[in-house]
Amino acid sequence: MDRRDFLKTSLAATAALAGSAILGGTFAHAATAAKSRNGGKMKILVITGSPRKNGNSNTLAEHFIRGAKEAGHEIVRFDAAFKNVHPCIACNKCGMNDECVFKDDFEFVRKHISDADMVVFATPMYYFGISAQIKAVIDRFYAINASIHVPKKAALLMTYANTAASDAKPILSHYEVLLNYLGWSDAGRVIAPGVWPAGAVNHTKYPEQAYRLGRSL
């Protein structure tokens, strides 16, 4: 698939989803559809990007997961920093909807993301962007592009050392553009500024916010 065909595919998918999942009014519809399929239980894929096992964004992920489990949802977790995910090399062998040339841990994501009702991204800010580990996973979405262009819910859990709200804008913009392209709806965000050393987030309100987000689904 060349760039012209890629753009045609992308625009067609976006047009088909316009006015549906990317609009706030469809959030309830998507949630209702998920509940009707699974008797109220959703399958949630949580993708983390921190290489620190006790890192602040991983702490938010753990609290979110606890809340979501208490709400009765099925959780599948993928810790990108501890897996082998080769960066996309733009070979286009997959044609945006086929097997990738790399057979690595991304196969786990491929297996679980298509039938997931919700995808949660948990990342620290690294040099004003998402971590390279989680970015590698997102870039590999290219190979499953067609299968994930369906209504899903999503959430963002993000931590960063700085305190200026403007510093969070690059990651928030990336998240919003990604959801807009895929036709997914935002179910919530927990943005935790001013946390740097591992464990710093434990002394803030943000773990409780992450728990309540998961519990409210």
Protein backbone atom coordinates (compact mmCIF):
# COMPACT_ATOMS: atom_id res chain seq x y z
CA MET A 1 0.00 0.00 0.00
CA ASP A 2 1.54 3.30 -1.09
CA ARG A 3 1.03 6.63 0.64
CA ARG A 4 -1.91 7.59 -1.62
CA ASP A 5 -3.76 4.36 -0.78
CA PHE A 6 -2.89 4.83 2.90
CA LEU A 7 -4.50 8.26 2.89
CA LYS A 8 -7.58 6.94 1.12
CA THR A 9 -7.93 4.15 3.68
CA SER A 10 -7.42 6.51 6.59
CA LEU A 11 -9.89 9.09 5.31
CA ALA A 12 -12.50 6.44 4.57
CA ALA A 13 -12.19 4.98 8.04
CA THR A 14 -12.37 8.39 9.65
CA ALA A 15 -15.41 9.37 7.59
CA ALA A 16 -17.21 6.16 8.51
CA LEU A 17 -16.63 6.86 12.16
CA ALA A 18 -17.30 10.59 12.09
CA GLY A 19 -20.26 11.57 14.20
CA SER A 20 -20.14 8.27 16.06
CA ALA A 21 -17.45 7.13 18.47
CA ILE A 22 -15.36 10.30 18.30
CA LEU A 23 -18.27 12.40 19.52
CA GLY A 24 -19.09 12.66 23.17
CA GLY A 25 -22.66 11.52 22.65
CA THR A 26 -21.49 8.12 21.42
CA PHE A 27 -19.49 7.40 24.55
CA ALA A 28 -22.58 6.09 26.29
CA HIS A 29 -23.56 4.14 23.18
CA ALA A 30 -20.16 2.43 22.99
CA ALA A 31 -20.28 1.59 26.67
CA THR A 32 -23.79 0.21 26.34
CA ALA A 33 -22.75 -1.93 23.39
CA ALA A 34 -19.85 -3.36 25.37
CA LYS A 35 -22.05 -4.10 28.33
CA SER A 36 -24.72 -5.75 26.23
CA ARG A 37 -22.11 -8.04 24.66
CA ASN A 38 -20.47 -9.05 27.91
CA GLY A 39 -23.19 -8.76 30.49
CA GLY A 40 -21.76 -5.54 31.93
CA LYS A 41 -18.14 -6.67 31.88
CA MET A 42 -15.56 -5.10 29.60
CA LYS A 43 -12.20 -6.40 28.47
CA ILE A 44 -9.62 -3.70 29.17
CA LEU A 45 -6.09 -3.76 27.78
CA VAL A 46 -3.68 -1.68 29.89
CA ILE A 47 -0.42 -0.77 28.13
CA THR A 48 2.30 0.70 30.33
CA GLY A 49 5.49 2.40 29.18
CA SER A 50 7.65 2.96 32.25
CA PRO A 51 10.91 0.99 32.63
CA ARG A 52 10.71 1.48 36.41
CA LYS A 53 8.69 -1.31 37.99
CA ASN A 54 7.81 0.99 40.88
CA GLY A 55 7.57 4.07 38.69
CA ASN A 56 4.86 6.64 39.16
CA SER A 57 2.89 5.87 36.00
CA ASN A 58 2.97 2.16 36.83
CA THR A 59 1.56 3.05 40.24
CA LEU A 60 -1.33 4.84 38.56
CA ALA A 61 -1.86 1.80 36.34
CA GLU A 62 -2.01 -0.49 39.36
CA HIS A 63 -4.61 1.68 41.08
CA PHE A 64 -6.68 1.92 37.91
CA ILE A 65 -6.55 -1.86 37.50
CA ARG A 66 -7.64 -2.42 41.09
CA GLY A 67 -10.64 -0.17 40.60
CA ALA A 68 -11.58 -1.74 37.27
CA LYS A 69 -11.33 -5.25 38.68
CA GLU A 70 -13.56 -4.27 41.58
CA ALA A 71 -16.06 -3.03 39.00
CA GLY A 72 -16.04 -6.52 37.47
CA HIS A 73 -14.00 -5.92 34.34
CA GLU A 74 -11.43 -8.25 32.79
CA ILE A 75 -7.93 -6.75 32.72
CA VAL A 76 -5.09 -7.66 30.39
CA ARG A 77 -1.81 -5.86 31.08
CA PHE A 78 1.16 -5.33 28.78
CA ASP A 79 4.29 -3.76 30.29
CA ALA A 80 6.03 -2.56 27.15
CA ALA A 81 9.31 -1.66 28.85
CA PHE A 82 9.83 -5.26 29.92
CA LYS A 83 8.90 -6.80 26.59
CA ASN A 84 10.62 -7.16 23.24
CA VAL A 85 8.82 -4.90 20.76
CA HIS A 86 10.83 -3.99 17.69
CA PRO A 87 10.21 -0.50 16.32
CA CYS A 88 8.26 -0.27 13.07
CA ILE A 89 10.65 0.04 10.11
CA ALA A 90 8.07 1.20 7.54
CA CYS A 91 8.63 -1.83 5.31
CA ASN A 92 4.85 -1.94 4.67
CA LYS A 93 4.87 -5.73 4.37
CA CYS A 94 1.78 -5.81 6.57
CA GLY A 95 -0.21 -3.54 4.27
CA MET A 96 -1.80 -2.06 7.39
CA ASN A 97 -3.74 -5.25 8.13
CA ASP A 98 -1.61 -8.37 8.00
CA GLU A 99 1.28 -10.14 9.65
CA CYS A 100 4.25 -8.04 10.74
CA VAL A 101 7.74 -9.08 9.67
CA PHE A 102 8.75 -9.06 13.34
CA LYS A 103 7.57 -11.93 15.52
CA ASP A 104 8.03 -10.53 19.00
CA ASP A 105 6.02 -9.64 22.08
CA PHE A 106 3.74 -7.37 20.08
CA GLU A 107 1.88 -10.56 19.17
CA PHE A 108 0.39 -10.40 22.67
CA VAL A 109 -1.01 -6.94 21.94
CA ARG A 110 -2.30 -8.10 18.56
CA LYS A 111 -4.08 -11.00 20.24
CA HIS A 112 -5.85 -8.92 22.88
CA ILE A 113 -6.45 -5.47 21.43
CA SER A 114 -8.92 -6.35 18.69
CA ASP A 115 -11.59 -7.67 21.06
CA ALA A 116 -10.77 -5.25 23.88
CA ASP A 117 -13.56 -2.83 24.74
CA MET A 118 -11.09 -0.34 26.19
CA VAL A 119 -7.38 0.48 25.90
CA VAL A 120 -5.53 2.36 28.64
CA PHE A 121 -2.17 4.04 28.07
CA ALA A 122 0.02 4.61 31.14
CA THR A 123 3.19 6.55 30.44
CA PRO A 124 5.71 8.87 32.06
CA MET A 125 6.80 11.97 30.20
CA TYR A 126 10.26 11.48 28.73
CA TYR A 127 11.77 14.65 27.32
CA PHE A 128 8.31 16.12 26.70
CA GLY A 129 6.90 13.05 24.96
CA ILE A 130 5.60 9.60 25.76
CA SER A 131 8.22 6.99 26.60
CA ALA A 132 9.96 5.27 23.70
CA GLN A 133 8.82 1.90 25.01
CA ILE A 134 5.12 2.65 24.66
CA LYS A 135 5.65 4.60 21.45
CA ALA A 136 7.12 1.48 19.83
CA VAL A 137 3.90 -0.38 20.65
CA ILE A 138 1.69 2.36 19.25
CA ASP A 139 3.76 2.56 16.05
CA ARG A 140 3.17 -1.16 15.54
CA PHE A 141 -0.59 -0.51 15.52
CA TYR A 142 0.04 0.13 11.82
CA ALA A 143 0.01 -3.62 11.16
CA ILE A 144 -3.45 -4.01 12.74
CA ASN A 145 -4.85 -0.70 11.56
CA ALA A 146 -8.04 -2.05 9.99
CA SER A 147 -8.97 -4.33 12.89
CA ILE A 148 -8.70 -1.61 15.56
CA HIS A 149 -10.66 1.03 13.64
CA VAL A 150 -13.76 0.17 15.66
CA PRO A 151 -15.42 2.02 18.55
CA LYS A 152 -13.51 1.54 21.80
CA LYS A 153 -13.05 3.46 24.99
CA ALA A 154 -9.63 4.73 26.01
CA ALA A 155 -7.94 6.39 28.98
CA LEU A 156 -4.63 8.10 29.62
CA LEU A 157 -2.59 7.86 32.83
CA MET A 158 0.39 10.19 32.68
CA THR A 159 3.07 11.41 35.07
CA TYR A 160 5.73 14.08 34.68
CA ALA A 161 8.29 15.86 36.78
CA ASN A 162 7.50 19.41 35.70
CA THR A 163 4.50 21.30 37.02
CA ALA A 164 3.48 23.53 34.11
CA ALA A 165 0.24 22.37 32.50
CA SER A 166 1.57 23.51 29.12
CA ASP A 167 4.33 20.88 29.32
CA ALA A 168 1.72 18.13 29.19
CA LYS A 169 0.24 19.40 25.91
CA PRO A 170 2.43 17.34 23.50
CA ILE A 171 1.34 14.04 25.06
CA LEU A 172 -2.28 15.14 25.40
CA SER A 173 -2.29 16.22 21.75
CA HIS A 174 -0.85 12.88 20.63
CA TYR A 175 -3.46 11.01 22.65
CA GLU A 176 -6.31 13.10 21.26
CA VAL A 177 -5.18 12.80 17.64
CA LEU A 178 -4.70 9.04 18.03
CA LEU A 179 -8.22 8.59 19.40
CA ASN A 180 -9.68 10.83 16.73
CA TYR A 181 -8.00 8.79 14.00
CA LEU A 182 -9.04 5.43 15.44
CA GLY A 183 -12.56 6.52 16.33
CA TRP A 184 -12.10 5.74 20.02
CA SER A 185 -13.76 7.76 22.79
CA ASP A 186 -11.96 9.21 25.79
CA ALA A 187 -13.23 7.72 29.06
CA GLY A 188 -10.94 9.75 31.29
CA ARG A 189 -7.45 11.00 32.05
CA VAL A 190 -5.30 11.21 35.14
CA ILE A 191 -2.45 13.68 34.63
CA ALA A 192 -0.02 13.81 37.53
CA PRO A 193 2.51 16.70 37.46
CA GLY A 194 5.36 17.31 39.87
CA VAL A 195 6.33 13.67 40.43
CA TRP A 196 9.86 12.58 39.64
CA PRO A 197 11.50 10.05 42.02
CA ALA A 198 9.89 6.63 42.07
CA GLY A 199 7.15 6.63 44.67
CA ALA A 200 6.57 10.38 44.60
CA VAL A 201 3.05 9.92 43.25
CA ASN A 202 2.09 7.92 46.36
CA HIS A 203 1.91 11.14 48.36
CA THR A 204 -0.54 12.80 45.98
CA LYS A 205 -4.23 12.58 45.11
CA TYR A 206 -3.56 10.95 41.74
CA PRO A 207 -3.52 7.24 42.71
CA GLU A 208 -6.97 7.69 44.19
CA GLN A 209 -8.10 9.42 41.00
CA ALA A 210 -6.80 6.50 38.93
CA TYR A 211 -8.59 4.04 41.21
CA ARG A 212 -11.87 5.97 40.96
CA LEU A 213 -11.57 6.13 37.18
CA GLY A 214 -11.26 2.36 36.99
CA ARG A 215 -13.98 1.80 39.54
CA SER A 216 -16.41 4.10 37.71
CA LEU A 217 -16.38 2.20 34.43
